[in-house]
Amino acid sequence: VAAPAYAGDLPQRNYNNPQVYRNLFNWTGFYAGVHAG
């Protein structure tokens, strides 16, 4: 009974498309900074 619930948290393989891995960090957004060289 519990297996389907836990399975939702595991990576799912799509046999019709290449496996796509999601990054843990996302770079989307604004930023500002300084540089030297």
PDB file of all heavy atoms in Angstrom:
ATOM      1  N   VAL A   1       0.836  -1.209   0.000  1.00  0.00           N
ATOM      2  CA  VAL A   1       0.000   0.000   0.000  1.00  0.00           C
ATOM      3  C   VAL A   1       0.863   1.249   0.000  1.00  0.00           C
ATOM      4  O   VAL A   1       0.561   2.243  -0.666  1.00  0.00           O
ATOM      5  CB  VAL A   1      -0.952  -0.004   1.218  1.00  0.00           C
ATOM      6  CG1 VAL A   1      -1.681   1.332   1.340  1.00  0.00           C
ATOM      7  CG2 VAL A   1      -1.947  -1.152   1.096  1.00  0.00           C
ATOM      8  N   ALA A   2       1.971   1.231   0.765  1.00  0.00           N
ATOM      9  CA  ALA A   2       2.806   2.428   0.910  1.00  0.00           C
ATOM     10  C   ALA A   2       3.702   2.667  -0.291  1.00  0.00           C
ATOM     11  O   ALA A   2       4.119   3.796  -0.541  1.00  0.00           O
ATOM     12  CB  ALA A   2       3.678   2.306   2.163  1.00  0.00           C
ATOM     13  N   ALA A   3       3.986   1.640  -1.076  1.00  0.00           N
ATOM     14  CA  ALA A   3       4.948   1.754  -2.176  1.00  0.00           C
ATOM     15  C   ALA A   3       4.609   2.856  -3.171  1.00  0.00           C
ATOM     16  O   ALA A   3       5.474   3.636  -3.555  1.00  0.00           O
ATOM     17  CB  ALA A   3       5.080   0.402  -2.884  1.00  0.00           C
ATOM     18  N   PRO A   4       3.358   2.992  -3.626  1.00  0.00           N
ATOM     19  CA  PRO A   4       3.062   4.056  -4.596  1.00  0.00           C
ATOM     20  C   PRO A   4       3.345   5.449  -4.048  1.00  0.00           C
ATOM     21  O   PRO A   4       3.757   6.345  -4.785  1.00  0.00           O
ATOM     22  CB  PRO A   4       1.572   3.864  -4.881  1.00  0.00           C
ATOM     23  CG  PRO A   4       1.323   2.423  -4.574  1.00  0.00           C
ATOM     24  CD  PRO A   4       2.198   2.110  -3.398  1.00  0.00           C
ATOM     25  N   ALA A   5       3.111   5.677  -2.734  1.00  0.00           N
ATOM     26  CA  ALA A   5       3.352   6.988  -2.144  1.00  0.00           C
ATOM     27  C   ALA A   5       4.829   7.324  -2.161  1.00  0.00           C
ATOM     28  O   ALA A   5       5.238   8.442  -2.478  1.00  0.00           O
ATOM     29  CB  ALA A   5       2.815   7.021  -0.716  1.00  0.00           C
ATOM     30  N   TYR A   6       5.683   6.346  -1.798  1.00  0.00           N
ATOM     31  CA  TYR A   6       7.114   6.588  -1.811  1.00  0.00           C
ATOM     32  C   TYR A   6       7.646   6.691  -3.236  1.00  0.00           C
ATOM     33  O   TYR A   6       8.599   7.420  -3.511  1.00  0.00           O
ATOM     34  CB  TYR A   6       7.845   5.474  -1.057  1.00  0.00           C
ATOM     35  CG  TYR A   6       7.695   5.574   0.435  1.00  0.00           C
ATOM     36  CD1 TYR A   6       6.829   4.712   1.116  1.00  0.00           C
ATOM     37  CD2 TYR A   6       8.396   6.530   1.146  1.00  0.00           C
ATOM     38  CE1 TYR A   6       6.686   4.792   2.488  1.00  0.00           C
ATOM     39  CE2 TYR A   6       8.252   6.617   2.528  1.00  0.00           C
ATOM     40  CZ  TYR A   6       7.395   5.755   3.202  1.00  0.00           C
ATOM     41  OH  TYR A   6       7.255   5.853   4.552  1.00  0.00           O
ATOM     42  N   ALA A   7       7.029   5.961  -4.139  1.00  0.00           N
ATOM     43  CA  ALA A   7       7.498   5.970  -5.522  1.00  0.00           C
ATOM     44  C   ALA A   7       7.373   7.351  -6.153  1.00  0.00           C
ATOM     45  O   ALA A   7       8.136   7.716  -7.040  1.00  0.00           O
ATOM     46  CB  ALA A   7       6.729   4.949  -6.350  1.00  0.00           C
ATOM     47  N   GLY A   8       6.411   8.159  -5.673  1.00  0.00           N
ATOM     48  CA  GLY A   8       6.240   9.499  -6.211  1.00  0.00           C
ATOM     49  C   GLY A   8       7.426  10.396  -5.943  1.00  0.00           C
ATOM     50  O   GLY A   8       7.633  11.401  -6.617  1.00  0.00           O
ATOM     51  N   ASP A   9       8.237  10.037  -4.921  1.00  0.00           N
ATOM     52  CA  ASP A   9       9.405  10.844  -4.595  1.00  0.00           C
ATOM     53  C   ASP A   9      10.654  10.397  -5.337  1.00  0.00           C
ATOM     54  O   ASP A   9      11.700  11.030  -5.241  1.00  0.00           O
ATOM     55  CB  ASP A   9       9.678  10.779  -3.085  1.00  0.00           C
ATOM     56  CG  ASP A   9       8.548  11.388  -2.285  1.00  0.00           C
ATOM     57  OD1 ASP A   9       7.907  12.322  -2.792  1.00  0.00           O
ATOM     58  OD2 ASP A   9       8.308  10.917  -1.168  1.00  0.00           O
ATOM     59  N   LEU A  10      10.587   9.267  -6.058  1.00  0.00           N
ATOM     60  CA  LEU A  10      11.743   8.734  -6.763  1.00  0.00           C
ATOM     61  C   LEU A  10      11.743   9.220  -8.204  1.00  0.00           C
ATOM     62  O   LEU A  10      10.696   9.545  -8.770  1.00  0.00           O
ATOM     63  CB  LEU A  10      11.708   7.195  -6.735  1.00  0.00           C
ATOM     64  CG  LEU A  10      11.779   6.553  -5.348  1.00  0.00           C
ATOM     65  CD1 LEU A  10      11.614   5.041  -5.490  1.00  0.00           C
ATOM     66  CD2 LEU A  10      13.094   6.897  -4.659  1.00  0.00           C
ATOM     67  N   PRO A  11      12.939   9.340  -8.829  1.00  0.00           N
ATOM     68  CA  PRO A  11      13.003   9.737 -10.235  1.00  0.00           C
ATOM     69  C   PRO A  11      12.217   8.771 -11.107  1.00  0.00           C
ATOM     70  O   PRO A  11      12.298   7.555 -10.927  1.00  0.00           O
ATOM     71  CB  PRO A  11      14.501   9.673 -10.550  1.00  0.00           C
ATOM     72  CG  PRO A  11      15.181   9.760  -9.221  1.00  0.00           C
ATOM     73  CD  PRO A  11      14.264   9.088  -8.252  1.00  0.00           C
ATOM     74  N   GLN A  12      11.432   9.301 -12.030  1.00  0.00           N
ATOM     75  CA  GLN A  12      10.619   8.479 -12.907  1.00  0.00           C
ATOM     76  C   GLN A  12      11.253   8.408 -14.292  1.00  0.00           C
ATOM     77  O   GLN A  12      11.623   9.425 -14.864  1.00  0.00           O
ATOM     78  CB  GLN A  12       9.204   9.076 -13.021  1.00  0.00           C
ATOM     79  CG  GLN A  12       8.486   9.156 -11.681  1.00  0.00           C
ATOM     80  CD  GLN A  12       8.269   7.769 -11.087  1.00  0.00           C
ATOM     81  OE1 GLN A  12       7.699   6.896 -11.732  1.00  0.00           O
ATOM     82  NE2 GLN A  12       8.718   7.569  -9.863  1.00  0.00           N
ATOM     83  N   ARG A  13      11.417   7.237 -14.834  1.00  0.00           N
ATOM     84  CA  ARG A  13      12.008   7.064 -16.159  1.00  0.00           C
ATOM     85  C   ARG A  13      10.906   7.115 -17.209  1.00  0.00           C
ATOM     86  O   ARG A  13       9.884   6.446 -17.100  1.00  0.00           O
ATOM     87  CB  ARG A  13      12.748   5.737 -16.239  1.00  0.00           C
ATOM     88  CG  ARG A  13      13.396   5.483 -17.611  1.00  0.00           C
ATOM     89  CD  ARG A  13      14.171   4.190 -17.622  1.00  0.00           C
ATOM     90  NE  ARG A  13      15.293   4.257 -16.714  1.00  0.00           N
ATOM     91  CZ  ARG A  13      16.468   4.795 -17.035  1.00  0.00           C
ATOM     92  NH1 ARG A  13      16.643   5.339 -18.216  1.00  0.00           N
ATOM     93  NH2 ARG A  13      17.456   4.796 -16.153  1.00  0.00           N
ATOM     94  N   ASN A  14      11.126   7.942 -18.209  1.00  0.00           N
ATOM     95  CA  ASN A  14      10.210   8.025 -19.338  1.00  0.00           C
ATOM     96  C   ASN A  14      10.843   7.270 -20.504  1.00  0.00           C
ATOM     97  O   ASN A  14      11.852   7.698 -21.056  1.00  0.00           O
ATOM     98  CB  ASN A  14       9.970   9.497 -19.713  1.00  0.00           C
ATOM     99  CG  ASN A  14       8.893   9.646 -20.766  1.00  0.00           C
ATOM    100  OD1 ASN A  14       8.671   8.756 -21.577  1.00  0.00           O
ATOM    101  ND2 ASN A  14       8.221  10.794 -20.746  1.00  0.00           N
ATOM    102  N   TYR A  15      10.263   6.139 -20.871  1.00  0.00           N
ATOM    103  CA  TYR A  15      10.871   5.305 -21.899  1.00  0.00           C
ATOM    104  C   TYR A  15      10.653   5.858 -23.309  1.00  0.00           C
ATOM    105  O   TYR A  15      11.255   5.377 -24.264  1.00  0.00           O
ATOM    106  CB  TYR A  15      10.324   3.881 -21.796  1.00  0.00           C
ATOM    107  CG  TYR A  15      10.806   3.182 -20.556  1.00  0.00           C
ATOM    108  CD1 TYR A  15      10.009   3.137 -19.413  1.00  0.00           C
ATOM    109  CD2 TYR A  15      12.068   2.591 -20.519  1.00  0.00           C
ATOM    110  CE1 TYR A  15      10.458   2.505 -18.263  1.00  0.00           C
ATOM    111  CE2 TYR A  15      12.527   1.952 -19.373  1.00  0.00           C
ATOM    112  CZ  TYR A  15      11.709   1.910 -18.247  1.00  0.00           C
ATOM    113  OH  TYR A  15      12.155   1.301 -17.111  1.00  0.00           O
ATOM    114  N   ASN A  16       9.786   6.874 -23.444  1.00  0.00           N
ATOM    115  CA  ASN A  16       9.557   7.484 -24.752  1.00  0.00           C
ATOM    116  C   ASN A  16      10.476   8.661 -25.024  1.00  0.00           C
ATOM    117  O   ASN A  16      10.624   9.102 -26.158  1.00  0.00           O
ATOM    118  CB  ASN A  16       8.095   7.944 -24.872  1.00  0.00           C
ATOM    119  CG  ASN A  16       7.126   6.774 -24.783  1.00  0.00           C
ATOM    120  OD1 ASN A  16       7.396   5.716 -25.347  1.00  0.00           O
ATOM    121  ND2 ASN A  16       6.016   6.967 -24.085  1.00  0.00           N
ATOM    122  N   ASN A  17      11.059   9.240 -23.969  1.00  0.00           N
ATOM    123  CA  ASN A  17      11.928  10.400 -24.102  1.00  0.00           C
ATOM    124  C   ASN A  17      13.200  10.188 -23.296  1.00  0.00           C
ATOM    125  O   ASN A  17      13.200   9.445 -22.318  1.00  0.00           O
ATOM    126  CB  ASN A  17      11.222  11.670 -23.601  1.00  0.00           C
ATOM    127  CG  ASN A  17      10.008  11.993 -24.436  1.00  0.00           C
ATOM    128  OD1 ASN A  17      10.111  12.222 -25.630  1.00  0.00           O
ATOM    129  ND2 ASN A  17       8.840  12.005 -23.787  1.00  0.00           N
ATOM    130  N   PRO A  18      14.289  10.871 -23.654  1.00  0.00           N
ATOM    131  CA  PRO A  18      15.521  10.774 -22.862  1.00  0.00           C
ATOM    132  C   PRO A  18      15.268  11.254 -21.443  1.00  0.00           C
ATOM    133  O   PRO A  18      14.437  12.134 -21.196  1.00  0.00           O
ATOM    134  CB  PRO A  18      16.492  11.712 -23.597  1.00  0.00           C
ATOM    135  CG  PRO A  18      15.929  11.838 -24.974  1.00  0.00           C
ATOM    136  CD  PRO A  18      14.443  11.730 -24.817  1.00  0.00           C
ATOM    137  N   GLN A  19      15.994  10.685 -20.497  1.00  0.00           N
ATOM    138  CA  GLN A  19      15.855  11.085 -19.099  1.00  0.00           C
ATOM    139  C   GLN A  19      16.307  12.529 -18.919  1.00  0.00           C
ATOM    140  O   GLN A  19      17.350  12.931 -19.408  1.00  0.00           O
ATOM    141  CB  GLN A  19      16.724  10.168 -18.216  1.00  0.00           C
ATOM    142  CG  GLN A  19      16.646  10.496 -16.734  1.00  0.00           C
ATOM    143  CD  GLN A  19      15.297  10.112 -16.132  1.00  0.00           C
ATOM    144  OE1 GLN A  19      14.711   9.130 -16.537  1.00  0.00           O
ATOM    145  NE2 GLN A  19      14.827  10.896 -15.196  1.00  0.00           N
ATOM    146  N   VAL A  20      15.511  13.339 -18.254  1.00  0.00           N
ATOM    147  CA  VAL A  20      15.855  14.728 -17.954  1.00  0.00           C
ATOM    148  C   VAL A  20      16.045  14.847 -16.456  1.00  0.00           C
ATOM    149  O   VAL A  20      15.161  14.500 -15.679  1.00  0.00           O
ATOM    150  CB  VAL A  20      14.743  15.702 -18.424  1.00  0.00           C
ATOM    151  CG1 VAL A  20      15.085  17.114 -18.002  1.00  0.00           C
ATOM    152  CG2 VAL A  20      14.580  15.617 -19.938  1.00  0.00           C
ATOM    153  N   TYR A  21      17.192  15.331 -16.043  1.00  0.00           N
ATOM    154  CA  TYR A  21      17.490  15.471 -14.625  1.00  0.00           C
ATOM    155  C   TYR A  21      17.293  16.929 -14.206  1.00  0.00           C
ATOM    156  O   TYR A  21      17.825  17.838 -14.824  1.00  0.00           O
ATOM    157  CB  TYR A  21      18.928  15.035 -14.337  1.00  0.00           C
ATOM    158  CG  TYR A  21      19.162  13.573 -14.618  1.00  0.00           C
ATOM    159  CD1 TYR A  21      19.686  13.157 -15.838  1.00  0.00           C
ATOM    160  CD2 TYR A  21      18.833  12.607 -13.679  1.00  0.00           C
ATOM    161  CE1 TYR A  21      19.878  11.806 -16.109  1.00  0.00           C
ATOM    162  CE2 TYR A  21      19.025  11.258 -13.937  1.00  0.00           C
ATOM    163  CZ  TYR A  21      19.547  10.871 -15.152  1.00  0.00           C
ATOM    164  OH  TYR A  21      19.744   9.548 -15.418  1.00  0.00           O
ATOM    165  N   ARG A  22      16.555  17.111 -13.152  1.00  0.00           N
ATOM    166  CA  ARG A  22      16.301  18.450 -12.655  1.00  0.00           C
ATOM    167  C   ARG A  22      17.428  18.884 -11.716  1.00  0.00           C
ATOM    168  O   ARG A  22      17.861  18.123 -10.868  1.00  0.00           O
ATOM    169  CB  ARG A  22      14.968  18.501 -11.894  1.00  0.00           C
ATOM    170  CG  ARG A  22      13.761  18.201 -12.779  1.00  0.00           C
ATOM    171  CD  ARG A  22      12.500  18.153 -11.952  1.00  0.00           C
ATOM    172  NE  ARG A  22      11.344  17.822 -12.764  1.00  0.00           N
ATOM    173  CZ  ARG A  22      10.577  18.713 -13.374  1.00  0.00           C
ATOM    174  NH1 ARG A  22      10.874  19.988 -13.272  1.00  0.00           N
ATOM    175  NH2 ARG A  22       9.546  18.345 -14.102  1.00  0.00           N
ATOM    176  N   ASN A  23      17.891  20.154 -11.895  1.00  0.00           N
ATOM    177  CA  ASN A  23      18.920  20.678 -11.014  1.00  0.00           C
ATOM    178  C   ASN A  23      18.334  20.973  -9.642  1.00  0.00           C
ATOM    179  O   ASN A  23      17.173  21.372  -9.511  1.00  0.00           O
ATOM    180  CB  ASN A  23      19.518  21.967 -11.596  1.00  0.00           C
ATOM    181  CG  ASN A  23      20.378  21.697 -12.808  1.00  0.00           C
ATOM    182  OD1 ASN A  23      21.202  20.798 -12.775  1.00  0.00           O
ATOM    183  ND2 ASN A  23      20.189  22.468 -13.865  1.00  0.00           N
ATOM    184  N   LEU A  24      19.137  20.804  -8.617  1.00  0.00           N
ATOM    185  CA  LEU A  24      18.699  21.144  -7.270  1.00  0.00           C
ATOM    186  C   LEU A  24      18.661  22.650  -7.088  1.00  0.00           C
ATOM    187  O   LEU A  24      17.842  23.175  -6.345  1.00  0.00           O
ATOM    188  CB  LEU A  24      19.644  20.507  -6.247  1.00  0.00           C
ATOM    189  CG  LEU A  24      19.717  18.975  -6.273  1.00  0.00           C
ATOM    190  CD1 LEU A  24      20.739  18.485  -5.260  1.00  0.00           C
ATOM    191  CD2 LEU A  24      18.352  18.375  -5.979  1.00  0.00           C
ATOM    192  N   PHE A  25      19.553  23.381  -7.780  1.00  0.00           N
ATOM    193  CA  PHE A  25      19.599  24.837  -7.680  1.00  0.00           C
ATOM    194  C   PHE A  25      19.104  25.446  -8.983  1.00  0.00           C
ATOM    195  O   PHE A  25      19.380  24.927 -10.061  1.00  0.00           O
ATOM    196  CB  PHE A  25      21.030  25.302  -7.396  1.00  0.00           C
ATOM    197  CG  PHE A  25      21.144  26.796  -7.268  1.00  0.00           C
ATOM    198  CD1 PHE A  25      20.855  27.424  -6.065  1.00  0.00           C
ATOM    199  CD2 PHE A  25      21.525  27.566  -8.355  1.00  0.00           C
ATOM    200  CE1 PHE A  25      20.946  28.805  -5.957  1.00  0.00           C
ATOM    201  CE2 PHE A  25      21.613  28.945  -8.251  1.00  0.00           C
ATOM    202  CZ  PHE A  25      21.323  29.558  -7.045  1.00  0.00           C
ATOM    203  N   ASN A  26      18.380  26.563  -8.879  1.00  0.00           N
ATOM    204  CA  ASN A  26      17.869  27.241 -10.069  1.00  0.00           C
ATOM    205  C   ASN A  26      18.455  28.651 -10.147  1.00  0.00           C
ATOM    206  O   ASN A  26      18.397  29.406  -9.183  1.00  0.00           O
ATOM    207  CB  ASN A  26      16.342  27.303 -10.016  1.00  0.00           C
ATOM    208  CG  ASN A  26      15.760  27.699 -11.360  1.00  0.00           C
ATOM    209  OD1 ASN A  26      15.973  28.795 -11.847  1.00  0.00           O
ATOM    210  ND2 ASN A  26      15.016  26.787 -11.974  1.00  0.00           N
ATOM    211  N   TRP A  27      19.010  29.014 -11.328  1.00  0.00           N
ATOM    212  CA  TRP A  27      19.691  30.289 -11.516  1.00  0.00           C
ATOM    213  C   TRP A  27      18.753  31.422 -11.915  1.00  0.00           C
ATOM    214  O   TRP A  27      19.199  32.556 -12.098  1.00  0.00           O
ATOM    215  CB  TRP A  27      20.775  30.135 -12.578  1.00  0.00           C
ATOM    216  CG  TRP A  27      21.946  29.335 -12.119  1.00  0.00           C
ATOM    217  CD1 TRP A  27      22.045  27.974 -12.056  1.00  0.00           C
ATOM    218  CD2 TRP A  27      23.192  29.831 -11.628  1.00  0.00           C
ATOM    219  NE1 TRP A  27      23.267  27.591 -11.571  1.00  0.00           N
ATOM    220  CE2 TRP A  27      23.999  28.716 -11.300  1.00  0.00           C
ATOM    221  CE3 TRP A  27      23.711  31.115 -11.445  1.00  0.00           C
ATOM    222  CZ2 TRP A  27      25.297  28.841 -10.800  1.00  0.00           C
ATOM    223  CZ3 TRP A  27      25.004  31.257 -10.953  1.00  0.00           C
ATOM    224  CH2 TRP A  27      25.779  30.131 -10.634  1.00  0.00           C
ATOM    225  N   THR A  28      17.473  31.149 -12.048  1.00  0.00           N
ATOM    226  CA  THR A  28      16.537  32.185 -12.479  1.00  0.00           C
ATOM    227  C   THR A  28      16.460  33.320 -11.461  1.00  0.00           C
ATOM    228  O   THR A  28      16.320  33.081 -10.262  1.00  0.00           O
ATOM    229  CB  THR A  28      15.134  31.594 -12.685  1.00  0.00           C
ATOM    230  OG1 THR A  28      15.194  30.613 -13.717  1.00  0.00           O
ATOM    231  CG2 THR A  28      14.140  32.672 -13.068  1.00  0.00           C
ATOM    232  N   GLY A  29      16.523  34.577 -11.961  1.00  0.00           N
ATOM    233  CA  GLY A  29      16.354  35.727 -11.082  1.00  0.00           C
ATOM    234  C   GLY A  29      17.328  36.856 -11.386  1.00  0.00           C
ATOM    235  O   GLY A  29      18.220  36.743 -12.227  1.00  0.00           O
ATOM    236  N   PHE A  30      17.131  37.961 -10.677  1.00  0.00           N
ATOM    237  CA  PHE A  30      17.980  39.143 -10.816  1.00  0.00           C
ATOM    238  C   PHE A  30      19.209  39.019  -9.932  1.00  0.00           C
ATOM    239  O   PHE A  30      19.170  38.355  -8.889  1.00  0.00           O
ATOM    240  CB  PHE A  30      17.206  40.409 -10.432  1.00  0.00           C
ATOM    241  CG  PHE A  30      16.146  40.803 -11.422  1.00  0.00           C
ATOM    242  CD1 PHE A  30      14.829  40.412 -11.227  1.00  0.00           C
ATOM    243  CD2 PHE A  30      16.472  41.550 -12.546  1.00  0.00           C
ATOM    244  CE1 PHE A  30      13.847  40.776 -12.140  1.00  0.00           C
ATOM    245  CE2 PHE A  30      15.499  41.916 -13.460  1.00  0.00           C
ATOM    246  CZ  PHE A  30      14.182  41.531 -13.256  1.00  0.00           C
ATOM    247  N   TYR A  31      20.279  39.672 -10.342  1.00  0.00           N
ATOM    248  CA  TYR A  31      21.507  39.693  -9.546  1.00  0.00           C
ATOM    249  C   TYR A  31      22.264  40.988  -9.803  1.00  0.00           C
ATOM    250  O   TYR A  31      22.060  41.679 -10.810  1.00  0.00           O
ATOM    251  CB  TYR A  31      22.401  38.499  -9.881  1.00  0.00           C
ATOM    252  CG  TYR A  31      22.880  38.476 -11.313  1.00  0.00           C
ATOM    253  CD1 TYR A  31      24.055  39.126 -11.701  1.00  0.00           C
ATOM    254  CD2 TYR A  31      22.160  37.799 -12.292  1.00  0.00           C
ATOM    255  CE1 TYR A  31      24.485  39.111 -13.020  1.00  0.00           C
ATOM    256  CE2 TYR A  31      22.592  37.779 -13.605  1.00  0.00           C
ATOM    257  CZ  TYR A  31      23.760  38.438 -13.961  1.00  0.00           C
ATOM    258  OH  TYR A  31      24.183  38.430 -15.271  1.00  0.00           O
ATOM    259  N   ALA A  32      23.154  41.334  -8.882  1.00  0.00           N
ATOM    260  CA  ALA A  32      24.031  42.498  -9.028  1.00  0.00           C
ATOM    261  C   ALA A  32      25.327  42.203  -8.288  1.00  0.00           C
ATOM    262  O   ALA A  32      25.329  41.427  -7.323  1.00  0.00           O
ATOM    263  CB  ALA A  32      23.375  43.757  -8.471  1.00  0.00           C
ATOM    264  N   GLY A  33      26.414  42.811  -8.750  1.00  0.00           N
ATOM    265  CA  GLY A  33      27.687  42.528  -8.100  1.00  0.00           C
ATOM    266  C   GLY A  33      28.803  43.429  -8.564  1.00  0.00           C
ATOM    267  O   GLY A  33      28.585  44.433  -9.265  1.00  0.00           O
ATOM    268  N   VAL A  34      30.010  43.076  -8.185  1.00  0.00           N
ATOM    269  CA  VAL A  34      31.206  43.848  -8.518  1.00  0.00           C
ATOM    270  C   VAL A  34      32.255  42.921  -9.131  1.00  0.00           C
ATOM    271  O   VAL A  34      32.205  41.703  -8.956  1.00  0.00           O
ATOM    272  CB  VAL A  34      31.792  44.554  -7.274  1.00  0.00           C
ATOM    273  CG1 VAL A  34      30.813  45.600  -6.746  1.00  0.00           C
ATOM    274  CG2 VAL A  34      32.117  43.539  -6.184  1.00  0.00           C
ATOM    275  N   HIS A  35      33.222  43.522  -9.840  1.00  0.00           N
ATOM    276  CA  HIS A  35      34.294  42.744 -10.433  1.00  0.00           C
ATOM    277  C   HIS A  35      35.588  43.550 -10.456  1.00  0.00           C
ATOM    278  O   HIS A  35      35.573  44.782 -10.364  1.00  0.00           O
ATOM    279  CB  HIS A  35      33.931  42.296 -11.858  1.00  0.00           C
ATOM    280  CG  HIS A  35      33.693  43.432 -12.801  1.00  0.00           C
ATOM    281  ND1 HIS A  35      32.439  43.896 -13.117  1.00  0.00           N
ATOM    282  CD2 HIS A  35      34.559  44.222 -13.505  1.00  0.00           C
ATOM    283  CE1 HIS A  35      32.528  44.903 -13.970  1.00  0.00           C
ATOM    284  NE2 HIS A  35      33.820  45.118 -14.220  1.00  0.00           N
ATOM    285  N   ALA A  36      36.705  42.844 -10.580  1.00  0.00           N
ATOM    286  CA  ALA A  36      38.019  43.472 -10.671  1.00  0.00           C
ATOM    287  C   ALA A  36      38.933  42.545 -11.452  1.00  0.00           C
ATOM    288  O   ALA A  36      38.701  41.332 -11.526  1.00  0.00           O
ATOM    289  CB  ALA A  36      38.589  43.744  -9.285  1.00  0.00           C
ATOM    290  N   GLY A  37      39.991  43.111 -12.040  1.00  0.00           N
ATOM    291  CA  GLY A  37      40.907  42.275 -12.797  1.00  0.00           C
ATOM    292  C   GLY A  37      41.939  43.077 -13.546  1.00  0.00           C
ATOM    293  O   GLY A  37      42.378  44.140 -13.097  1.00  0.00           O
TER     294      GLY A  37
END
